[in-house]
């Protein structure tokens, strides 16, 4: 990674930690796939936009209804557990 890309990544990580009140380092627990039969949804303030069949990195299992994930564009947000499938 170049110095500019590294600084941009650090800035995005700080913003993520501030927005979601996340403490500690960001580690990927596992990867999961969005159900191909699920409806596509736009993202909101803290929710991640969903695309059918997309592979997401799981950052944290927050509660029974939602998972904190990161998509391929390195954006973070909550995703409903109901639309997630294990790989």
PDB file of N, CA and C in Angstrom:
ATOM      1  N   UNK A   1       0.838  -1.186   0.000  1.00  0.00           N
ATOM      2  CA  UNK A   1       0.000   0.000   0.000  1.00  0.00           C
ATOM      3  C   UNK A   1       0.879   1.244   0.000  1.00  0.00           C
ATOM      4  N   UNK A   2       0.424   2.253  -0.688  1.00  0.00           N
ATOM      5  CA  UNK A   2       1.150   3.510  -0.689  1.00  0.00           C
ATOM      6  C   UNK A   2       0.851   4.257   0.608  1.00  0.00           C
ATOM      7  N   UNK A   3       1.633   5.268   0.873  1.00  0.00           N
ATOM      8  CA  UNK A   3       1.448   6.065   2.085  1.00  0.00           C
ATOM      9  C   UNK A   3       0.074   6.731   2.084  1.00  0.00           C
ATOM     10  N   UNK A   4      -0.348   7.236   0.924  1.00  0.00           N
ATOM     11  CA  UNK A   4      -1.644   7.900   0.816  1.00  0.00           C
ATOM     12  C   UNK A   4      -2.779   6.917   1.085  1.00  0.00           C
ATOM     13  N   UNK A   5      -2.701   5.726   0.535  1.00  0.00           N
ATOM     14  CA  UNK A   5      -3.732   4.706   0.749  1.00  0.00           C
ATOM     15  C   UNK A   5      -3.754   4.257   2.207  1.00  0.00           C
ATOM     16  N   UNK A   6      -2.603   4.160   2.817  1.00  0.00           N
ATOM     17  CA  UNK A   6      -2.511   3.746   4.218  1.00  0.00           C
ATOM     18  C   UNK A   6      -3.160   4.783   5.132  1.00  0.00           C
ATOM     19  N   UNK A   7      -2.904   6.059   4.868  1.00  0.00           N
ATOM     20  CA  UNK A   7      -3.502   7.126   5.673  1.00  0.00           C
ATOM     21  C   UNK A   7      -5.017   7.168   5.484  1.00  0.00           C
ATOM     22  N   UNK A   8      -5.478   6.934   4.254  1.00  0.00           N
ATOM     23  CA  UNK A   8      -6.908   6.920   3.986  1.00  0.00           C
ATOM     24  C   UNK A   8      -7.566   5.768   4.745  1.00  0.00           C
ATOM     25  N   UNK A   9      -6.926   4.612   4.759  1.00  0.00           N
ATOM     26  CA  UNK A   9      -7.445   3.447   5.485  1.00  0.00           C
ATOM     27  C   UNK A   9      -7.519   3.730   6.985  1.00  0.00           C
ATOM     28  N   UNK A  10      -6.495   4.348   7.536  1.00  0.00           N
ATOM     29  CA  UNK A  10      -6.490   4.696   8.960  1.00  0.00           C
ATOM     30  C   UNK A  10      -7.610   5.676   9.289  1.00  0.00           C
ATOM     31  N   UNK A  11      -7.842   6.649   8.417  1.00  0.00           N
ATOM     32  CA  UNK A  11      -8.898   7.631   8.625  1.00  0.00           C
ATOM     33  C   UNK A  11     -10.269   6.955   8.606  1.00  0.00           C
ATOM     34  N   UNK A  12     -10.484   6.037   7.662  1.00  0.00           N
ATOM     35  CA  UNK A  12     -11.755   5.321   7.578  1.00  0.00           C
ATOM     36  C   UNK A  12     -11.976   4.476   8.828  1.00  0.00           C
ATOM     37  N   UNK A  13     -10.910   3.858   9.345  1.00  0.00           N
ATOM     38  CA  UNK A  13     -11.016   3.047  10.557  1.00  0.00           C
ATOM     39  C   UNK A  13     -11.368   3.904  11.773  1.00  0.00           C
ATOM     40  N   UNK A  14     -10.768   5.084  11.887  1.00  0.00           N
ATOM     41  CA  UNK A  14     -11.091   5.985  12.998  1.00  0.00           C
ATOM     42  C   UNK A  14     -12.540   6.437  12.926  1.00  0.00           C
ATOM     43  N   UNK A  15     -13.002   6.785  11.735  1.00  0.00           N
ATOM     44  CA  UNK A  15     -14.395   7.205  11.562  1.00  0.00           C
ATOM     45  C   UNK A  15     -15.349   6.070  11.917  1.00  0.00           C
ATOM     46  N   UNK A  16     -15.008   4.842  11.503  1.00  0.00           N
ATOM     47  CA  UNK A  16     -15.829   3.681  11.843  1.00  0.00           C
ATOM     48  C   UNK A  16     -15.905   3.504  13.350  1.00  0.00           C
ATOM     49  N   UNK A  17     -14.777   3.566  14.034  1.00  0.00           N
ATOM     50  CA  UNK A  17     -14.745   3.368  15.479  1.00  0.00           C
ATOM     51  C   UNK A  17     -15.540   4.451  16.203  1.00  0.00           C
ATOM     52  N   UNK A  18     -15.507   5.663  15.709  1.00  0.00           N
ATOM     53  CA  UNK A  18     -16.257   6.753  16.317  1.00  0.00           C
ATOM     54  C   UNK A  18     -17.763   6.598  16.066  1.00  0.00           C
ATOM     55  N   UNK A  19     -18.141   6.277  14.838  1.00  0.00           N
ATOM     56  CA  UNK A  19     -19.553   6.168  14.466  1.00  0.00           C
ATOM     57  C   UNK A  19     -20.246   5.017  15.185  1.00  0.00           C
ATOM     58  N   UNK A  20     -19.587   3.867  15.300  1.00  0.00           N
ATOM     59  CA  UNK A  20     -20.200   2.686  15.889  1.00  0.00           C
ATOM     60  C   UNK A  20     -19.766   2.445  17.337  1.00  0.00           C
ATOM     61  N   UNK A  21     -18.999   3.391  17.905  1.00  0.00           N
ATOM     62  CA  UNK A  21     -18.506   3.262  19.288  1.00  0.00           C
ATOM     63  C   UNK A  21     -17.813   1.918  19.486  1.00  0.00           C
ATOM     64  N   UNK A  22     -16.937   1.587  18.547  1.00  0.00           N
ATOM     65  CA  UNK A  22     -16.231   0.312  18.529  1.00  0.00           C
ATOM     66  C   UNK A  22     -14.874   0.495  19.184  1.00  0.00           C
ATOM     67  N   UNK A  23     -14.573  -0.334  20.161  1.00  0.00           N
ATOM     68  CA  UNK A  23     -13.292  -0.268  20.871  1.00  0.00           C
ATOM     69  C   UNK A  23     -12.384  -1.395  20.393  1.00  0.00           C
ATOM     70  N   UNK A  24     -11.103  -1.148  20.362  1.00  0.00           N
ATOM     71  CA  UNK A  24     -10.134  -2.181  19.994  1.00  0.00           C
ATOM     72  C   UNK A  24      -9.849  -2.194  18.505  1.00  0.00           C
ATOM     73  N   UNK A  25      -9.113  -3.209  18.096  1.00  0.00           N
ATOM     74  CA  UNK A  25      -8.736  -3.320  16.693  1.00  0.00           C
ATOM     75  C   UNK A  25      -9.859  -3.984  15.891  1.00  0.00           C
ATOM     76  N   UNK A  26      -9.883  -3.678  14.608  1.00  0.00           N
ATOM     77  CA  UNK A  26     -10.904  -4.223  13.721  1.00  0.00           C
ATOM     78  C   UNK A  26     -10.375  -5.539  13.162  1.00  0.00           C
ATOM     79  N   UNK A  27     -11.021  -6.640  13.547  1.00  0.00           N
ATOM     80  CA  UNK A  27     -10.623  -7.952  13.051  1.00  0.00           C
ATOM     81  C   UNK A  27     -11.834  -8.631  12.421  1.00  0.00           C
ATOM     82  N   UNK A  28     -11.587  -9.356  11.358  1.00  0.00           N
ATOM     83  CA  UNK A  28     -12.642 -10.078  10.663  1.00  0.00           C
ATOM     84  C   UNK A  28     -12.822 -11.428  11.339  1.00  0.00           C
ATOM     85  N   UNK A  29     -14.031 -11.686  11.859  1.00  0.00           N
ATOM     86  CA  UNK A  29     -14.319 -12.951  12.528  1.00  0.00           C
ATOM     87  C   UNK A  29     -14.555 -14.063  11.515  1.00  0.00           C
ATOM     88  N   UNK A  30     -15.337 -13.782  10.503  1.00  0.00           N
ATOM     89  CA  UNK A  30     -15.666 -14.753   9.460  1.00  0.00           C
ATOM     90  C   UNK A  30     -16.242 -14.008   8.267  1.00  0.00           C
ATOM     91  N   UNK A  31     -16.564 -14.745   7.225  1.00  0.00           N
ATOM     92  CA  UNK A  31     -17.240 -14.164   6.070  1.00  0.00           C
ATOM     93  C   UNK A  31     -18.585 -14.856   5.910  1.00  0.00           C
ATOM     94  N   UNK A  32     -19.585 -14.070   5.504  1.00  0.00           N
ATOM     95  CA  UNK A  32     -20.923 -14.608   5.266  1.00  0.00           C
ATOM     96  C   UNK A  32     -21.449 -14.016   3.970  1.00  0.00           C
ATOM     97  N   UNK A  33     -22.442 -14.695   3.405  1.00  0.00           N
ATOM     98  CA  UNK A  33     -23.013 -14.263   2.142  1.00  0.00           C
ATOM     99  C   UNK A  33     -24.445 -13.783   2.354  1.00  0.00           C
ATOM    100  N   UNK A  34     -24.807 -12.735   1.633  1.00  0.00           N
ATOM    101  CA  UNK A  34     -26.193 -12.251   1.649  1.00  0.00           C
ATOM    102  C   UNK A  34     -27.023 -13.251   0.847  1.00  0.00           C
ATOM    103  N   UNK A  35     -28.158 -13.635   1.380  1.00  0.00           N
ATOM    104  CA  UNK A  35     -29.046 -14.607   0.753  1.00  0.00           C
ATOM    105  C   UNK A  35     -29.407 -14.159  -0.665  1.00  0.00           C
ATOM    106  N   UNK A  36     -29.180 -15.019  -1.678  1.00  0.00           N
ATOM    107  CA  UNK A  36     -29.538 -14.641  -3.058  1.00  0.00           C
ATOM    108  C   UNK A  36     -31.030 -14.400  -3.253  1.00  0.00           C
ATOM    109  N   UNK A  37     -31.877 -14.930  -2.370  1.00  0.00           N
ATOM    110  CA  UNK A  37     -33.326 -14.731  -2.482  1.00  0.00           C
ATOM    111  C   UNK A  37     -33.795 -13.467  -1.747  1.00  0.00           C
ATOM    112  N   UNK A  38     -32.897 -12.816  -1.014  1.00  0.00           N
ATOM    113  CA  UNK A  38     -33.266 -11.619  -0.256  1.00  0.00           C
ATOM    114  C   UNK A  38     -33.473 -10.432  -1.188  1.00  0.00           C
ATOM    115  N   UNK A  39     -34.286  -9.488  -0.741  1.00  0.00           N
ATOM    116  CA  UNK A  39     -34.482  -8.271  -1.531  1.00  0.00           C
ATOM    117  C   UNK A  39     -33.315  -7.325  -1.274  1.00  0.00           C
ATOM    118  N   UNK A  40     -32.906  -6.633  -2.312  1.00  0.00           N
ATOM    119  CA  UNK A  40     -31.821  -5.671  -2.177  1.00  0.00           C
ATOM    120  C   UNK A  40     -32.333  -4.445  -1.448  1.00  0.00           C
ATOM    121  N   UNK A  41     -31.495  -3.901  -0.575  1.00  0.00           N
ATOM    122  CA  UNK A  41     -31.901  -2.749   0.222  1.00  0.00           C
ATOM    123  C   UNK A  41     -30.833  -1.669   0.142  1.00  0.00           C
ATOM    124  N   UNK A  42     -31.296  -0.435   0.204  1.00  0.00           N
ATOM    125  CA  UNK A  42     -30.380   0.696   0.291  1.00  0.00           C
ATOM    126  C   UNK A  42     -29.870   0.810   1.708  1.00  0.00           C
ATOM    127  N   UNK A  43     -28.697   1.351   1.847  1.00  0.00           N
ATOM    128  CA  UNK A  43     -28.153   1.563   3.172  1.00  0.00           C
ATOM    129  C   UNK A  43     -28.755   2.790   3.820  1.00  0.00           C
ATOM    130  N   UNK A  44     -28.684   2.818   5.125  1.00  0.00           N
ATOM    131  CA  UNK A  44     -29.172   3.964   5.875  1.00  0.00           C
ATOM    132  C   UNK A  44     -28.031   4.601   6.631  1.00  0.00           C
ATOM    133  N   UNK A  45     -28.343   5.244   7.729  1.00  0.00           N
ATOM    134  CA  UNK A  45     -27.327   5.918   8.529  1.00  0.00           C
ATOM    135  C   UNK A  45     -26.279   4.932   9.035  1.00  0.00           C
ATOM    136  N   UNK A  46     -26.739   3.822   9.595  1.00  0.00           N
ATOM    137  CA  UNK A  46     -25.810   2.828  10.119  1.00  0.00           C
ATOM    138  C   UNK A  46     -25.997   1.462   9.493  1.00  0.00           C
ATOM    139  N   UNK A  47     -26.890   1.342   8.519  1.00  0.00           N
ATOM    140  CA  UNK A  47     -27.098   0.046   7.876  1.00  0.00           C
ATOM    141  C   UNK A  47     -26.343  -0.008   6.551  1.00  0.00           C
ATOM    142  N   UNK A  48     -25.900  -1.192   6.224  1.00  0.00           N
ATOM    143  CA  UNK A  48     -25.106  -1.420   5.021  1.00  0.00           C
ATOM    144  C   UNK A  48     -26.044  -1.741   3.854  1.00  0.00           C
ATOM    145  N   UNK A  49     -25.791  -1.193   2.662  1.00  0.00           N
ATOM    146  CA  UNK A  49     -26.625  -1.569   1.515  1.00  0.00           C
ATOM    147  C   UNK A  49     -26.417  -3.049   1.185  1.00  0.00           C
ATOM    148  N   UNK A  50     -27.491  -3.741   0.826  1.00  0.00           N
ATOM    149  CA  UNK A  50     -27.420  -5.172   0.560  1.00  0.00           C
ATOM    150  C   UNK A  50     -27.583  -5.461  -0.922  1.00  0.00           C
ATOM    151  N   UNK A  51     -26.720  -6.343  -1.422  1.00  0.00           N
ATOM    152  CA  UNK A  51     -26.836  -6.859  -2.782  1.00  0.00           C
ATOM    153  C   UNK A  51     -26.873  -8.373  -2.697  1.00  0.00           C
ATOM    154  N   UNK A  52     -27.718  -8.979  -3.486  1.00  0.00           N
ATOM    155  CA  UNK A  52     -27.880 -10.436  -3.463  1.00  0.00           C
ATOM    156  C   UNK A  52     -26.561 -11.137  -3.759  1.00  0.00           C
ATOM    157  N   UNK A  53     -26.237 -12.134  -2.951  1.00  0.00           N
ATOM    158  CA  UNK A  53     -25.046 -12.947  -3.179  1.00  0.00           C
ATOM    159  C   UNK A  53     -23.738 -12.293  -2.796  1.00  0.00           C
ATOM    160  N   UNK A  54     -23.771 -11.103  -2.226  1.00  0.00           N
ATOM    161  CA  UNK A  54     -22.553 -10.392  -1.850  1.00  0.00           C
ATOM    162  C   UNK A  54     -21.894 -11.073  -0.641  1.00  0.00           C
ATOM    163  N   UNK A  55     -20.568 -11.135  -0.656  1.00  0.00           N
ATOM    164  CA  UNK A  55     -19.806 -11.700   0.454  1.00  0.00           C
ATOM    165  C   UNK A  55     -19.396 -10.547   1.369  1.00  0.00           C
ATOM    166  N   UNK A  56     -19.728 -10.665   2.668  1.00  0.00           N
ATOM    167  CA  UNK A  56     -19.421  -9.623   3.642  1.00  0.00           C
ATOM    168  C   UNK A  56     -18.479 -10.161   4.714  1.00  0.00           C
ATOM    169  N   UNK A  57     -17.588  -9.304   5.198  1.00  0.00           N
ATOM    170  CA  UNK A  57     -16.727  -9.630   6.328  1.00  0.00           C
ATOM    171  C   UNK A  57     -17.482  -9.314   7.608  1.00  0.00           C
ATOM    172  N   UNK A  58     -17.556 -10.270   8.513  1.00  0.00           N
ATOM    173  CA  UNK A  58     -18.238 -10.065   9.792  1.00  0.00           C
ATOM    174  C   UNK A  58     -17.234  -9.506  10.790  1.00  0.00           C
ATOM    175  N   UNK A  59     -17.540  -8.331  11.342  1.00  0.00           N
ATOM    176  CA  UNK A  59     -16.680  -7.677  12.319  1.00  0.00           C
ATOM    177  C   UNK A  59     -17.122  -8.022  13.735  1.00  0.00           C
ATOM    178  N   UNK A  60     -18.452  -8.027  13.957  1.00  0.00           N
ATOM    179  CA  UNK A  60     -18.967  -8.290  15.304  1.00  0.00           C
ATOM    180  C   UNK A  60     -20.399  -8.804  15.223  1.00  0.00           C
ATOM    181  N   UNK A  61     -20.698  -9.828  16.039  1.00  0.00           N
ATOM    182  CA  UNK A  61     -22.074 -10.292  16.196  1.00  0.00           C
ATOM    183  C   UNK A  61     -22.669  -9.443  17.317  1.00  0.00           C
ATOM    184  N   UNK A  62     -23.443  -8.413  16.957  1.00  0.00           N
ATOM    185  CA  UNK A  62     -23.897  -7.430  17.942  1.00  0.00           C
ATOM    186  C   UNK A  62     -25.046  -7.920  18.802  1.00  0.00           C
ATOM    187  N   UNK A  63     -26.085  -8.481  18.196  1.00  0.00           N
ATOM    188  CA  UNK A  63     -27.231  -9.002  18.964  1.00  0.00           C
ATOM    189  C   UNK A  63     -27.935 -10.063  18.123  1.00  0.00           C
ATOM    190  N   UNK A  64     -29.121 -10.482  18.550  1.00  0.00           N
ATOM    191  CA  UNK A  64     -29.849 -11.555  17.856  1.00  0.00           C
ATOM    192  C   UNK A  64     -30.373 -11.122  16.489  1.00  0.00           C
ATOM    193  N   UNK A  65     -30.525  -9.823  16.258  1.00  0.00           N
ATOM    194  CA  UNK A  65     -31.113  -9.362  15.004  1.00  0.00           C
ATOM    195  C   UNK A  65     -30.094  -8.835  13.992  1.00  0.00           C
ATOM    196  N   UNK A  66     -28.946  -8.337  14.458  1.00  0.00           N
ATOM    197  CA  UNK A  66     -28.021  -7.660  13.546  1.00  0.00           C
ATOM    198  C   UNK A  66     -26.577  -8.127  13.708  1.00  0.00           C
ATOM    199  N   UNK A  67     -25.821  -7.924  12.619  1.00  0.00           N
ATOM    200  CA  UNK A  67     -24.398  -8.219  12.592  1.00  0.00           C
ATOM    201  C   UNK A  67     -23.699  -6.982  12.039  1.00  0.00           C
ATOM    202  N   UNK A  68     -22.565  -6.628  12.614  1.00  0.00           N
ATOM    203  CA  UNK A  68     -21.759  -5.521  12.102  1.00  0.00           C
ATOM    204  C   UNK A  68     -20.817  -6.089  11.045  1.00  0.00           C
ATOM    205  N   UNK A  69     -20.928  -5.560   9.806  1.00  0.00           N
ATOM    206  CA  UNK A  69     -20.189  -6.123   8.673  1.00  0.00           C
ATOM    207  C   UNK A  69     -19.451  -5.041   7.886  1.00  0.00           C
ATOM    208  N   UNK A  70     -18.552  -5.516   7.003  1.00  0.00           N
ATOM    209  CA  UNK A  70     -17.826  -4.651   6.070  1.00  0.00           C
ATOM    210  C   UNK A  70     -17.995  -5.252   4.683  1.00  0.00           C
ATOM    211  N   UNK A  71     -18.278  -4.403   3.683  1.00  0.00           N
ATOM    212  CA  UNK A  71     -18.439  -4.906   2.319  1.00  0.00           C
ATOM    213  C   UNK A  71     -17.148  -4.755   1.521  1.00  0.00           C
ATOM    214  N   UNK A  72     -17.195  -5.088   0.246  1.00  0.00           N
ATOM    215  CA  UNK A  72     -15.999  -5.056  -0.597  1.00  0.00           C
ATOM    216  C   UNK A  72     -15.488  -3.637  -0.850  1.00  0.00           C
ATOM    217  N   UNK A  73     -16.348  -2.621  -0.680  1.00  0.00           N
ATOM    218  CA  UNK A  73     -15.921  -1.230  -0.835  1.00  0.00           C
ATOM    219  C   UNK A  73     -15.374  -0.664   0.475  1.00  0.00           C
ATOM    220  N   UNK A  74     -15.177  -1.546   1.471  1.00  0.00           N
ATOM    221  CA  UNK A  74     -14.641  -1.204   2.790  1.00  0.00           C
ATOM    222  C   UNK A  74     -15.557  -0.254   3.548  1.00  0.00           C
ATOM    223  N   UNK A  75     -16.865  -0.379   3.326  1.00  0.00           N
ATOM    224  CA  UNK A  75     -17.860   0.381   4.086  1.00  0.00           C
ATOM    225  C   UNK A  75     -18.406  -0.521   5.177  1.00  0.00           C
ATOM    226  N   UNK A  76     -18.743   0.084   6.308  1.00  0.00           N
ATOM    227  CA  UNK A  76     -19.212  -0.654   7.471  1.00  0.00           C
ATOM    228  C   UNK A  76     -20.675  -0.353   7.738  1.00  0.00           C
ATOM    229  N   UNK A  77     -21.368  -1.325   8.349  1.00  0.00           N
ATOM    230  CA  UNK A  77     -22.753  -1.105   8.725  1.00  0.00           C
ATOM    231  C   UNK A  77     -23.381  -2.357   9.282  1.00  0.00           C
ATOM    232  N   UNK A  78     -24.601  -2.180   9.782  1.00  0.00           N
ATOM    233  CA  UNK A  78     -25.351  -3.296  10.342  1.00  0.00           C
ATOM    234  C   UNK A  78     -26.126  -4.007   9.242  1.00  0.00           C
ATOM    235  N   UNK A  79     -26.211  -5.335   9.375  1.00  0.00           N
ATOM    236  CA  UNK A  79     -26.939  -6.168   8.428  1.00  0.00           C
ATOM    237  C   UNK A  79     -27.845  -7.095   9.236  1.00  0.00           C
ATOM    238  N   UNK A  80     -29.106  -7.285   8.819  1.00  0.00           N
ATOM    239  CA  UNK A  80     -29.988  -8.216   9.543  1.00  0.00           C
ATOM    240  C   UNK A  80     -29.474  -9.652   9.433  1.00  0.00           C
ATOM    241  N   UNK A  81     -29.519 -10.369  10.542  1.00  0.00           N
ATOM    242  CA  UNK A  81     -29.076 -11.775  10.546  1.00  0.00           C
ATOM    243  C   UNK A  81     -29.940 -12.650   9.658  1.00  0.00           C
ATOM    244  N   UNK A  82     -31.204 -12.267   9.480  1.00  0.00           N
ATOM    245  CA  UNK A  82     -32.148 -13.086   8.718  1.00  0.00           C
ATOM    246  C   UNK A  82     -31.733 -13.256   7.252  1.00  0.00           C
ATOM    247  N   UNK A  83     -30.979 -12.318   6.703  1.00  0.00           N
ATOM    248  CA  UNK A  83     -30.603 -12.392   5.292  1.00  0.00           C
ATOM    249  C   UNK A  83     -29.192 -12.930   5.083  1.00  0.00           C
ATOM    250  N   UNK A  84     -28.523 -13.359   6.150  1.00  0.00           N
ATOM    251  CA  UNK A  84     -27.148 -13.830   6.047  1.00  0.00           C
ATOM    252  C   UNK A  84     -27.081 -15.357   6.023  1.00  0.00           C
ATOM    253  N   UNK A  85     -26.188 -15.874   5.190  1.00  0.00           N
ATOM    254  CA  UNK A  85     -25.954 -17.313   5.091  1.00  0.00           C
ATOM    255  C   UNK A  85     -24.476 -17.596   5.357  1.00  0.00           C
ATOM    256  N   UNK A  86     -24.169 -18.664   6.088  1.00  0.00           N
ATOM    257  CA  UNK A  86     -22.752 -19.004   6.295  1.00  0.00           C
ATOM    258  C   UNK A  86     -22.142 -19.522   4.993  1.00  0.00           C
ATOM    259  N   UNK A  87     -20.842 -19.332   4.841  1.00  0.00           N
ATOM    260  CA  UNK A  87     -20.149 -19.848   3.648  1.00  0.00           C
ATOM    261  C   UNK A  87     -19.736 -21.279   3.867  1.00  0.00           C
TER     262      UNK A  87
END
